[in-house]
Amino acid sequence: MTGPVPVATDLVQRAAGVVAARHRGDLDGAEALLASFDTEQTRTLGFYLLADLALGLVRAQSGQSMDDLVRELTLLVAATPPPPPG
């Protein structure tokens, strides 16, 4: 792939694939997709672009401002209990 749009599309699709694999319990598939990113920078970019797209979709559906949506998300994350040790 060449150019920013196809590369960005590929990164977002792989990041979404990681999330989908984890949700269906395919941890090996999620790990394989994570390993398919060339660098930590491309992995970070892929997940950033996915988060930006997802938040944009939620904002469009809810009518909330992005600031309000992010504030709500931050509160939800803060209220989430930590995973059990082990």
N, C-alpha and C. Protein backbone atom coordinates (compact mmCIF):
# COMPACT_ATOMS: atom_id res chain seq x y z
N MET A 1 0.83 -1.18 0.00
CA MET A 1 0.00 0.00 0.00
C MET A 1 0.87 1.24 0.00
N THR A 2 0.42 2.23 -0.72
CA THR A 2 1.17 3.49 -0.76
C THR A 2 0.24 4.64 -0.47
N GLY A 3 0.81 5.74 -0.03
CA GLY A 3 0.02 6.93 0.25
C GLY A 3 -0.64 6.87 1.60
N PRO A 4 -1.01 8.03 2.13
CA PRO A 4 -1.54 8.08 3.49
C PRO A 4 -2.91 7.45 3.67
N VAL A 5 -3.80 7.58 2.69
CA VAL A 5 -5.16 7.07 2.88
C VAL A 5 -5.18 5.54 2.93
N PRO A 6 -4.58 4.82 1.98
CA PRO A 6 -4.59 3.36 2.09
C PRO A 6 -3.86 2.87 3.35
N VAL A 7 -2.76 3.52 3.73
CA VAL A 7 -2.04 3.11 4.92
C VAL A 7 -2.91 3.33 6.14
N ALA A 8 -3.55 4.48 6.25
CA ALA A 8 -4.43 4.77 7.39
C ALA A 8 -5.58 3.78 7.44
N THR A 9 -6.16 3.48 6.30
CA THR A 9 -7.26 2.52 6.24
C THR A 9 -6.81 1.17 6.75
N ASP A 10 -5.65 0.72 6.32
CA ASP A 10 -5.12 -0.56 6.77
C ASP A 10 -4.89 -0.56 8.28
N LEU A 11 -4.33 0.51 8.81
CA LEU A 11 -4.06 0.58 10.24
C LEU A 11 -5.36 0.54 11.05
N VAL A 12 -6.35 1.29 10.61
CA VAL A 12 -7.64 1.32 11.30
C VAL A 12 -8.31 -0.04 11.23
N GLN A 13 -8.26 -0.69 10.08
CA GLN A 13 -8.89 -2.00 9.94
C GLN A 13 -8.22 -3.04 10.85
N ARG A 14 -6.89 -2.99 10.94
CA ARG A 14 -6.20 -3.94 11.83
C ARG A 14 -6.53 -3.65 13.29
N ALA A 15 -6.56 -2.36 13.67
CA ALA A 15 -6.90 -2.02 15.05
C ALA A 15 -8.32 -2.48 15.38
N ALA A 16 -9.25 -2.26 14.46
CA ALA A 16 -10.63 -2.72 14.67
C ALA A 16 -10.67 -4.25 14.75
N GLY A 17 -9.85 -4.91 13.96
CA GLY A 17 -9.78 -6.36 13.99
C GLY A 17 -9.31 -6.88 15.35
N VAL A 18 -8.37 -6.16 15.96
CA VAL A 18 -7.89 -6.54 17.30
C VAL A 18 -9.06 -6.47 18.29
N VAL A 19 -9.79 -5.38 18.25
CA VAL A 19 -10.92 -5.20 19.17
C VAL A 19 -11.98 -6.28 18.92
N ALA A 20 -12.31 -6.54 17.67
CA ALA A 20 -13.32 -7.54 17.33
C ALA A 20 -12.87 -8.94 17.78
N ALA A 21 -11.61 -9.27 17.54
CA ALA A 21 -11.09 -10.58 17.94
C ALA A 21 -11.17 -10.76 19.45
N ARG A 22 -10.78 -9.75 20.18
CA ARG A 22 -10.85 -9.83 21.65
C ARG A 22 -12.29 -10.02 22.13
N HIS A 23 -13.23 -9.32 21.50
CA HIS A 23 -14.63 -9.42 21.92
C HIS A 23 -15.23 -10.78 21.62
N ARG A 24 -14.73 -11.46 20.62
CA ARG A 24 -15.25 -12.79 20.35
C ARG A 24 -14.41 -13.88 21.02
N GLY A 25 -13.43 -13.47 21.83
CA GLY A 25 -12.63 -14.41 22.60
C GLY A 25 -11.46 -15.01 21.84
N ASP A 26 -11.15 -14.48 20.68
CA ASP A 26 -10.04 -14.98 19.87
C ASP A 26 -8.76 -14.22 20.24
N LEU A 27 -8.19 -14.59 21.40
CA LEU A 27 -7.01 -13.88 21.88
C LEU A 27 -5.80 -14.12 21.00
N ASP A 28 -5.68 -15.33 20.42
CA ASP A 28 -4.57 -15.60 19.50
C ASP A 28 -4.67 -14.72 18.26
N GLY A 29 -5.88 -14.56 17.73
CA GLY A 29 -6.09 -13.70 16.57
C GLY A 29 -5.77 -12.25 16.89
N ALA A 30 -6.19 -11.80 18.09
CA ALA A 30 -5.90 -10.43 18.50
C ALA A 30 -4.40 -10.21 18.62
N GLU A 31 -3.70 -11.17 19.22
CA GLU A 31 -2.25 -11.07 19.35
C GLU A 31 -1.57 -11.05 17.99
N ALA A 32 -2.05 -11.87 17.07
CA ALA A 32 -1.46 -11.91 15.73
C ALA A 32 -1.65 -10.57 15.02
N LEU A 33 -2.83 -9.99 15.16
CA LEU A 33 -3.07 -8.69 14.54
C LEU A 33 -2.21 -7.61 15.19
N LEU A 34 -2.08 -7.66 16.51
CA LEU A 34 -1.21 -6.68 17.18
C LEU A 34 0.22 -6.80 16.68
N ALA A 35 0.67 -8.03 16.50
CA ALA A 35 2.04 -8.26 16.03
C ALA A 35 2.24 -7.84 14.58
N SER A 36 1.14 -7.66 13.84
CA SER A 36 1.26 -7.31 12.42
C SER A 36 1.62 -5.84 12.21
N PHE A 37 1.53 -5.02 13.26
CA PHE A 37 1.94 -3.63 13.15
C PHE A 37 3.47 -3.59 13.13
N ASP A 38 4.03 -2.83 12.18
CA ASP A 38 5.48 -2.78 12.01
C ASP A 38 6.21 -2.16 13.19
N THR A 39 5.62 -1.12 13.76
CA THR A 39 6.26 -0.39 14.85
C THR A 39 5.21 -0.01 15.88
N GLU A 40 5.70 0.38 17.05
CA GLU A 40 4.79 0.89 18.09
C GLU A 40 4.10 2.16 17.60
N GLN A 41 4.79 2.95 16.80
CA GLN A 41 4.22 4.19 16.27
C GLN A 41 3.03 3.89 15.35
N THR A 42 3.15 2.90 14.47
CA THR A 42 2.03 2.58 13.57
C THR A 42 0.87 1.97 14.36
N ARG A 43 1.18 1.18 15.39
CA ARG A 43 0.13 0.62 16.24
C ARG A 43 -0.63 1.75 16.94
N THR A 44 0.11 2.67 17.50
CA THR A 44 -0.50 3.81 18.19
C THR A 44 -1.35 4.63 17.23
N LEU A 45 -0.83 4.89 16.04
CA LEU A 45 -1.58 5.65 15.05
C LEU A 45 -2.87 4.92 14.67
N GLY A 46 -2.78 3.62 14.46
CA GLY A 46 -3.97 2.85 14.09
C GLY A 46 -5.06 2.94 15.15
N PHE A 47 -4.67 2.78 16.41
CA PHE A 47 -5.66 2.86 17.48
C PHE A 47 -6.16 4.28 17.71
N TYR A 48 -5.29 5.27 17.52
CA TYR A 48 -5.73 6.67 17.61
C TYR A 48 -6.79 6.95 16.54
N LEU A 49 -6.50 6.56 15.31
CA LEU A 49 -7.44 6.81 14.21
C LEU A 49 -8.76 6.08 14.44
N LEU A 50 -8.68 4.85 14.95
CA LEU A 50 -9.90 4.09 15.25
C LEU A 50 -10.71 4.79 16.34
N ALA A 51 -10.05 5.24 17.41
CA ALA A 51 -10.75 5.93 18.49
C ALA A 51 -11.38 7.22 17.98
N ASP A 52 -10.65 7.97 17.16
CA ASP A 52 -11.17 9.22 16.62
C ASP A 52 -12.41 8.96 15.76
N LEU A 53 -12.35 7.94 14.94
CA LEU A 53 -13.48 7.58 14.09
C LEU A 53 -14.68 7.14 14.94
N ALA A 54 -14.42 6.28 15.92
CA ALA A 54 -15.51 5.78 16.77
C ALA A 54 -16.15 6.91 17.56
N LEU A 55 -15.34 7.79 18.13
CA LEU A 55 -15.90 8.92 18.88
C LEU A 55 -16.69 9.85 17.97
N GLY A 56 -16.22 10.02 16.75
CA GLY A 56 -16.96 10.84 15.79
C GLY A 56 -18.31 10.24 15.46
N LEU A 57 -18.37 8.93 15.32
CA LEU A 57 -19.65 8.26 15.05
C LEU A 57 -20.61 8.40 16.22
N VAL A 58 -20.10 8.20 17.44
CA VAL A 58 -20.95 8.35 18.62
C VAL A 58 -21.43 9.79 18.75
N ARG A 59 -20.54 10.75 18.51
CA ARG A 59 -20.91 12.16 18.59
C ARG A 59 -22.01 12.48 17.59
N ALA A 60 -21.87 11.97 16.38
CA ALA A 60 -22.88 12.24 15.35
C ALA A 60 -24.23 11.64 15.73
N GLN A 61 -24.23 10.46 16.34
CA GLN A 61 -25.49 9.81 16.73
C GLN A 61 -26.12 10.46 17.97
N SER A 62 -25.25 10.88 18.92
CA SER A 62 -25.77 11.40 20.19
C SER A 62 -26.06 12.90 20.14
N GLY A 63 -25.40 13.61 19.24
CA GLY A 63 -25.56 15.06 19.19
C GLY A 63 -24.74 15.79 20.24
N GLN A 64 -23.96 15.05 21.03
CA GLN A 64 -23.12 15.68 22.05
C GLN A 64 -21.93 16.36 21.40
N SER A 65 -21.38 17.34 22.11
CA SER A 65 -20.12 17.90 21.64
C SER A 65 -19.01 16.89 21.92
N MET A 66 -17.90 17.01 21.23
CA MET A 66 -16.80 16.10 21.46
C MET A 66 -16.27 16.26 22.88
N ASP A 67 -16.22 17.49 23.38
CA ASP A 67 -15.77 17.71 24.76
C ASP A 67 -16.66 16.98 25.76
N ASP A 68 -17.98 17.08 25.59
CA ASP A 68 -18.90 16.39 26.50
C ASP A 68 -18.75 14.88 26.40
N LEU A 69 -18.61 14.39 25.18
CA LEU A 69 -18.45 12.96 24.97
C LEU A 69 -17.17 12.45 25.63
N VAL A 70 -16.08 13.16 25.46
CA VAL A 70 -14.81 12.75 26.05
C VAL A 70 -14.88 12.83 27.58
N ARG A 71 -15.53 13.85 28.10
CA ARG A 71 -15.70 13.98 29.55
C ARG A 71 -16.49 12.79 30.09
N GLU A 72 -17.57 12.40 29.41
CA GLU A 72 -18.37 11.25 29.82
C GLU A 72 -17.55 9.96 29.76
N LEU A 73 -16.79 9.81 28.70
CA LEU A 73 -15.94 8.63 28.55
C LEU A 73 -14.89 8.57 29.66
N THR A 74 -14.31 9.71 29.99
CA THR A 74 -13.31 9.77 31.05
C THR A 74 -13.91 9.34 32.38
N LEU A 75 -15.13 9.78 32.66
CA LEU A 75 -15.80 9.38 33.90
C LEU A 75 -16.10 7.89 33.92
N LEU A 76 -16.51 7.35 32.79
CA LEU A 76 -16.77 5.91 32.71
C LEU A 76 -15.49 5.10 32.94
N VAL A 77 -14.40 5.54 32.34
CA VAL A 77 -13.13 4.84 32.52
C VAL A 77 -12.68 4.92 33.97
N ALA A 78 -12.84 6.09 34.59
CA ALA A 78 -12.44 6.26 35.99
C ALA A 78 -13.27 5.38 36.92
N ALA A 79 -14.51 5.10 36.57
CA ALA A 79 -15.39 4.29 37.41
C ALA A 79 -15.23 2.78 37.17
N THR A 80 -14.46 2.41 36.17
CA THR A 80 -14.26 1.00 35.87
C THR A 80 -13.30 0.38 36.86
N PRO A 81 -13.71 -0.71 37.51
CA PRO A 81 -12.80 -1.34 38.48
C PRO A 81 -11.60 -1.96 37.77
N PRO A 82 -10.46 -2.00 38.46
CA PRO A 82 -9.27 -2.61 37.85
C PRO A 82 -9.47 -4.11 37.65
N PRO A 83 -8.77 -4.70 36.69
CA PRO A 83 -8.90 -6.14 36.49
C PRO A 83 -8.36 -6.90 37.70
N PRO A 84 -8.83 -8.10 37.93
CA PRO A 84 -8.33 -8.88 39.06
C PRO A 84 -6.85 -9.22 38.86
N PRO A 85 -6.11 -9.31 39.95
CA PRO A 85 -4.68 -9.65 39.82
C PRO A 85 -4.50 -11.06 39.30
N GLY A 86 -3.39 -11.24 38.64
CA GLY A 86 -3.06 -12.59 38.23
C GLY A 86 -3.05 -12.78 36.81
